[in-house]
Amino acid sequence: MITKDTIMADILKLNPNAAQILMHLGMGCLGCPSSQMESLEDACEIHGLDLEEVLAKLNEK
């Protein structure tokens, strides 16, 4: 399960659809160096995205 503390690079490994979901929500810099150390919570804050909405979409089955 992806949580607010999951590192962005790990999210891309855990969910094969994560890149598409995140880019659709407006998070286009998934390959930037920060993604190797940045949590989902940090990334959502930087991009002005609702953390709970992003978590729901990433954890959908």
PDB file of N, CA and C in Angstrom:
ATOM      1  N   MET A   1       0.836  -1.184   0.000  1.00  0.00           N
ATOM      2  CA  MET A   1       0.000   0.000   0.000  1.00  0.00           C
ATOM      3  C   MET A   1       0.882   1.250   0.000  1.00  0.00           C
ATOM      4  N   ILE A   2       0.523   2.192  -0.814  1.00  0.00           N
ATOM      5  CA  ILE A   2       1.240   3.458  -0.908  1.00  0.00           C
ATOM      6  C   ILE A   2       0.703   4.387   0.166  1.00  0.00           C
ATOM      7  N   THR A   3       1.613   5.032   0.900  1.00  0.00           N
ATOM      8  CA  THR A   3       1.232   5.968   1.956  1.00  0.00           C
ATOM      9  C   THR A   3       1.819   7.342   1.652  1.00  0.00           C
ATOM     10  N   LYS A   4       1.493   8.304   2.495  1.00  0.00           N
ATOM     11  CA  LYS A   4       2.009   9.664   2.312  1.00  0.00           C
ATOM     12  C   LYS A   4       3.528   9.706   2.433  1.00  0.00           C
ATOM     13  N   ASP A   5       4.107   8.728   3.112  1.00  0.00           N
ATOM     14  CA  ASP A   5       5.551   8.697   3.334  1.00  0.00           C
ATOM     15  C   ASP A   5       6.319   7.901   2.277  1.00  0.00           C
ATOM     16  N   THR A   6       5.608   7.264   1.356  1.00  0.00           N
ATOM     17  CA  THR A   6       6.277   6.474   0.322  1.00  0.00           C
ATOM     18  C   THR A   6       7.065   7.407  -0.599  1.00  0.00           C
ATOM     19  N   ILE A   7       8.286   7.019  -0.885  1.00  0.00           N
ATOM     20  CA  ILE A   7       9.169   7.812  -1.754  1.00  0.00           C
ATOM     21  C   ILE A   7       8.667   7.691  -3.197  1.00  0.00           C
ATOM     22  N   MET A   8       8.707   8.807  -3.913  1.00  0.00           N
ATOM     23  CA  MET A   8       8.179   8.859  -5.273  1.00  0.00           C
ATOM     24  C   MET A   8       8.770   7.757  -6.167  1.00  0.00           C
ATOM     25  N   ALA A   9      10.059   7.544  -6.096  1.00  0.00           N
ATOM     26  CA  ALA A   9      10.696   6.514  -6.928  1.00  0.00           C
ATOM     27  C   ALA A   9      10.129   5.133  -6.608  1.00  0.00           C
ATOM     28  N   ASP A  10       9.811   4.885  -5.336  1.00  0.00           N
ATOM     29  CA  ASP A  10       9.247   3.597  -4.938  1.00  0.00           C
ATOM     30  C   ASP A  10       7.807   3.436  -5.439  1.00  0.00           C
ATOM     31  N   ILE A  11       7.069   4.540  -5.484  1.00  0.00           N
ATOM     32  CA  ILE A  11       5.687   4.487  -5.987  1.00  0.00           C
ATOM     33  C   ILE A  11       5.683   3.994  -7.429  1.00  0.00           C
ATOM     34  N   LEU A  12       6.621   4.478  -8.212  1.00  0.00           N
ATOM     35  CA  LEU A  12       6.698   4.068  -9.618  1.00  0.00           C
ATOM     36  C   LEU A  12       7.006   2.579  -9.751  1.00  0.00           C
ATOM     37  N   LYS A  13       7.680   2.009  -8.758  1.00  0.00           N
ATOM     38  CA  LYS A  13       7.973   0.574  -8.765  1.00  0.00           C
ATOM     39  C   LYS A  13       6.789  -0.243  -8.247  1.00  0.00           C
ATOM     40  N   LEU A  14       6.064   0.299  -7.280  1.00  0.00           N
ATOM     41  CA  LEU A  14       4.956  -0.426  -6.649  1.00  0.00           C
ATOM     42  C   LEU A  14       3.691  -0.483  -7.503  1.00  0.00           C
ATOM     43  N   ASN A  15       3.446   0.561  -8.277  1.00  0.00           N
ATOM     44  CA  ASN A  15       2.220   0.634  -9.061  1.00  0.00           C
ATOM     45  C   ASN A  15       2.575   0.903 -10.517  1.00  0.00           C
ATOM     46  N   PRO A  16       2.366  -0.065 -11.394  1.00  0.00           N
ATOM     47  CA  PRO A  16       2.734   0.100 -12.802  1.00  0.00           C
ATOM     48  C   PRO A  16       1.978   1.237 -13.504  1.00  0.00           C
ATOM     49  N   ASN A  17       0.847   1.650 -12.939  1.00  0.00           N
ATOM     50  CA  ASN A  17       0.068   2.744 -13.520  1.00  0.00           C
ATOM     51  C   ASN A  17       0.358   4.091 -12.877  1.00  0.00           C
ATOM     52  N   ALA A  18       1.274   4.132 -11.924  1.00  0.00           N
ATOM     53  CA  ALA A  18       1.524   5.352 -11.148  1.00  0.00           C
ATOM     54  C   ALA A  18       1.951   6.527 -12.021  1.00  0.00           C
ATOM     55  N   ALA A  19       2.836   6.300 -12.961  1.00  0.00           N
ATOM     56  CA  ALA A  19       3.317   7.411 -13.796  1.00  0.00           C
ATOM     57  C   ALA A  19       2.157   8.053 -14.550  1.00  0.00           C
ATOM     58  N   GLN A  20       1.303   7.248 -15.121  1.00  0.00           N
ATOM     59  CA  GLN A  20       0.160   7.763 -15.866  1.00  0.00           C
ATOM     60  C   GLN A  20      -0.802   8.512 -14.937  1.00  0.00           C
ATOM     61  N   ILE A  21      -1.068   7.945 -13.774  1.00  0.00           N
ATOM     62  CA  ILE A  21      -1.973   8.577 -12.806  1.00  0.00           C
ATOM     63  C   ILE A  21      -1.413   9.925 -12.361  1.00  0.00           C
ATOM     64  N   LEU A  22      -0.145   9.942 -11.966  1.00  0.00           N
ATOM     65  CA  LEU A  22       0.467  11.164 -11.459  1.00  0.00           C
ATOM     66  C   LEU A  22       0.572  12.246 -12.525  1.00  0.00           C
ATOM     67  N   MET A  23       0.923  11.871 -13.734  1.00  0.00           N
ATOM     68  CA  MET A  23       1.004  12.863 -14.809  1.00  0.00           C
ATOM     69  C   MET A  23      -0.378  13.421 -15.123  1.00  0.00           C
ATOM     70  N   HIS A  24      -1.401  12.583 -15.101  1.00  0.00           N
ATOM     71  CA  HIS A  24      -2.769  13.040 -15.346  1.00  0.00           C
ATOM     72  C   HIS A  24      -3.203  14.063 -14.287  1.00  0.00           C
ATOM     73  N   LEU A  25      -2.708  13.897 -13.055  1.00  0.00           N
ATOM     74  CA  LEU A  25      -3.047  14.812 -11.970  1.00  0.00           C
ATOM     75  C   LEU A  25      -2.213  16.091 -11.990  1.00  0.00           C
ATOM     76  N   GLY A  26      -1.205  16.151 -12.857  1.00  0.00           N
ATOM     77  CA  GLY A  26      -0.402  17.370 -12.975  1.00  0.00           C
ATOM     78  C   GLY A  26       0.993  17.283 -12.408  1.00  0.00           C
ATOM     79  N   MET A  27       1.442  16.082 -12.090  1.00  0.00           N
ATOM     80  CA  MET A  27       2.784  15.900 -11.557  1.00  0.00           C
ATOM     81  C   MET A  27       3.661  15.327 -12.673  1.00  0.00           C
ATOM     82  N   GLY A  28       4.250  16.214 -13.470  1.00  0.00           N
ATOM     83  CA  GLY A  28       4.955  15.784 -14.664  1.00  0.00           C
ATOM     84  C   GLY A  28       6.437  15.535 -14.524  1.00  0.00           C
ATOM     85  N   CYS A  29       7.018  15.818 -13.373  1.00  0.00           N
ATOM     86  CA  CYS A  29       8.477  15.700 -13.255  1.00  0.00           C
ATOM     87  C   CYS A  29       8.876  14.449 -12.474  1.00  0.00           C
ATOM     88  N   LEU A  30       8.346  13.324 -12.877  1.00  0.00           N
ATOM     89  CA  LEU A  30       8.579  12.079 -12.145  1.00  0.00           C
ATOM     90  C   LEU A  30      10.016  11.585 -12.224  1.00  0.00           C
ATOM     91  N   GLY A  31      10.757  12.028 -13.208  1.00  0.00           N
ATOM     92  CA  GLY A  31      12.130  11.574 -13.359  1.00  0.00           C
ATOM     93  C   GLY A  31      13.151  12.522 -12.766  1.00  0.00           C
ATOM     94  N   CYS A  32      12.695  13.571 -12.113  1.00  0.00           N
ATOM     95  CA  CYS A  32      13.646  14.547 -11.568  1.00  0.00           C
ATOM     96  C   CYS A  32      14.419  13.935 -10.402  1.00  0.00           C
ATOM     97  N   PRO A  33      15.597  14.443 -10.125  1.00  0.00           N
ATOM     98  CA  PRO A  33      16.415  13.880  -9.035  1.00  0.00           C
ATOM     99  C   PRO A  33      15.711  13.879  -7.676  1.00  0.00           C
ATOM    100  N   SER A  34      14.835  14.842  -7.448  1.00  0.00           N
ATOM    101  CA  SER A  34      14.130  14.903  -6.162  1.00  0.00           C
ATOM    102  C   SER A  34      13.252  13.681  -5.934  1.00  0.00           C
ATOM    103  N   SER A  35      12.776  13.068  -7.013  1.00  0.00           N
ATOM    104  CA  SER A  35      11.876  11.919  -6.862  1.00  0.00           C
ATOM    105  C   SER A  35      12.559  10.737  -6.182  1.00  0.00           C
ATOM    106  N   GLN A  36      13.876  10.733  -6.140  1.00  0.00           N
ATOM    107  CA  GLN A  36      14.597   9.644  -5.491  1.00  0.00           C
ATOM    108  C   GLN A  36      14.569   9.755  -3.963  1.00  0.00           C
ATOM    109  N   MET A  37      14.232  10.960  -3.450  1.00  0.00           N
ATOM    110  CA  MET A  37      14.256  11.185  -2.000  1.00  0.00           C
ATOM    111  C   MET A  37      12.967  11.786  -1.461  1.00  0.00           C
ATOM    112  N   GLU A  38      12.080  12.203  -2.345  1.00  0.00           N
ATOM    113  CA  GLU A  38      10.897  12.965  -1.953  1.00  0.00           C
ATOM    114  C   GLU A  38       9.712  12.045  -1.659  1.00  0.00           C
ATOM    115  N   SER A  39       9.015  12.320  -0.569  1.00  0.00           N
ATOM    116  CA  SER A  39       7.821  11.535  -0.246  1.00  0.00           C
ATOM    117  C   SER A  39       6.649  12.015  -1.085  1.00  0.00           C
ATOM    118  N   LEU A  40       5.622  11.198  -1.143  1.00  0.00           N
ATOM    119  CA  LEU A  40       4.405  11.588  -1.858  1.00  0.00           C
ATOM    120  C   LEU A  40       3.810  12.839  -1.225  1.00  0.00           C
ATOM    121  N   GLU A  41       3.835  12.905   0.093  1.00  0.00           N
ATOM    122  CA  GLU A  41       3.296  14.084   0.779  1.00  0.00           C
ATOM    123  C   GLU A  41       4.032  15.348   0.350  1.00  0.00           C
ATOM    124  N   ASP A  42       5.356  15.287   0.293  1.00  0.00           N
ATOM    125  CA  ASP A  42       6.151  16.443  -0.136  1.00  0.00           C
ATOM    126  C   ASP A  42       5.832  16.822  -1.578  1.00  0.00           C
ATOM    127  N   ALA A  43       5.754  15.837  -2.441  1.00  0.00           N
ATOM    128  CA  ALA A  43       5.491  16.090  -3.859  1.00  0.00           C
ATOM    129  C   ALA A  43       4.112  16.721  -4.055  1.00  0.00           C
ATOM    130  N   CYS A  44       3.121  16.230  -3.330  1.00  0.00           N
ATOM    131  CA  CYS A  44       1.773  16.803  -3.441  1.00  0.00           C
ATOM    132  C   CYS A  44       1.763  18.247  -2.970  1.00  0.00           C
ATOM    133  N   GLU A  45       2.475  18.522  -1.894  1.00  0.00           N
ATOM    134  CA  GLU A  45       2.530  19.887  -1.378  1.00  0.00           C
ATOM    135  C   GLU A  45       3.191  20.818  -2.397  1.00  0.00           C
ATOM    136  N   ILE A  46       4.283  20.392  -2.982  1.00  0.00           N
ATOM    137  CA  ILE A  46       5.004  21.197  -3.971  1.00  0.00           C
ATOM    138  C   ILE A  46       4.144  21.470  -5.202  1.00  0.00           C
ATOM    139  N   HIS A  47       3.366  20.462  -5.616  1.00  0.00           N
ATOM    140  CA  HIS A  47       2.563  20.580  -6.836  1.00  0.00           C
ATOM    141  C   HIS A  47       1.134  21.064  -6.574  1.00  0.00           C
ATOM    142  N   GLY A  48       0.806  21.325  -5.325  1.00  0.00           N
ATOM    143  CA  GLY A  48      -0.523  21.823  -4.989  1.00  0.00           C
ATOM    144  C   GLY A  48      -1.633  20.807  -5.196  1.00  0.00           C
ATOM    145  N   LEU A  49      -1.311  19.529  -4.966  1.00  0.00           N
ATOM    146  CA  LEU A  49      -2.296  18.461  -5.156  1.00  0.00           C
ATOM    147  C   LEU A  49      -2.840  17.988  -3.814  1.00  0.00           C
ATOM    148  N   ASP A  50      -4.074  17.527  -3.812  1.00  0.00           N
ATOM    149  CA  ASP A  50      -4.706  16.993  -2.614  1.00  0.00           C
ATOM    150  C   ASP A  50      -4.149  15.599  -2.332  1.00  0.00           C
ATOM    151  N   LEU A  51      -3.460  15.457  -1.228  1.00  0.00           N
ATOM    152  CA  LEU A  51      -2.798  14.198  -0.880  1.00  0.00           C
ATOM    153  C   LEU A  51      -3.775  13.033  -0.813  1.00  0.00           C
ATOM    154  N   GLU A  52      -4.922  13.229  -0.185  1.00  0.00           N
ATOM    155  CA  GLU A  52      -5.888  12.139  -0.033  1.00  0.00           C
ATOM    156  C   GLU A  52      -6.427  11.673  -1.386  1.00  0.00           C
ATOM    157  N   GLU A  53      -6.659  12.608  -2.294  1.00  0.00           N
ATOM    158  CA  GLU A  53      -7.127  12.253  -3.641  1.00  0.00           C
ATOM    159  C   GLU A  53      -6.068  11.443  -4.386  1.00  0.00           C
ATOM    160  N   VAL A  54      -4.818  11.872  -4.291  1.00  0.00           N
ATOM    161  CA  VAL A  54      -3.730  11.178  -4.965  1.00  0.00           C
ATOM    162  C   VAL A  54      -3.566   9.772  -4.378  1.00  0.00           C
ATOM    163  N   LEU A  55      -3.602   9.660  -3.059  1.00  0.00           N
ATOM    164  CA  LEU A  55      -3.489   8.346  -2.427  1.00  0.00           C
ATOM    165  C   LEU A  55      -4.604   7.411  -2.859  1.00  0.00           C
ATOM    166  N   ALA A  56      -5.815   7.932  -2.921  1.00  0.00           N
ATOM    167  CA  ALA A  56      -6.957   7.104  -3.340  1.00  0.00           C
ATOM    168  C   ALA A  56      -6.753   6.568  -4.744  1.00  0.00           C
ATOM    169  N   LYS A  57      -6.293   7.415  -5.642  1.00  0.00           N
ATOM    170  CA  LYS A  57      -6.098   6.985  -7.025  1.00  0.00           C
ATOM    171  C   LYS A  57      -4.949   5.990  -7.153  1.00  0.00           C
ATOM    172  N   LEU A  58      -3.873   6.205  -6.412  1.00  0.00           N
ATOM    173  CA  LEU A  58      -2.722   5.308  -6.496  1.00  0.00           C
ATOM    174  C   LEU A  58      -2.997   3.949  -5.872  1.00  0.00           C
ATOM    175  N   ASN A  59      -3.900   3.904  -4.896  1.00  0.00           N
ATOM    176  CA  ASN A  59      -4.185   2.648  -4.193  1.00  0.00           C
ATOM    177  C   ASN A  59      -5.447   1.950  -4.702  1.00  0.00           C
ATOM    178  N   GLU A  60      -6.062   2.478  -5.775  1.00  0.00           N
ATOM    179  CA  GLU A  60      -7.235   1.812  -6.356  1.00  0.00           C
ATOM    180  C   GLU A  60      -6.840   0.456  -6.899  1.00  0.00           C
ATOM    181  N   LYS A  61      -7.732  -0.474  -6.750  1.00  0.00           N
ATOM    182  CA  LYS A  61      -7.460  -1.822  -7.297  1.00  0.00           C
ATOM    183  C   LYS A  61      -8.102  -1.977  -8.632  1.00  0.00           C
TER     184      LYS A  61
END
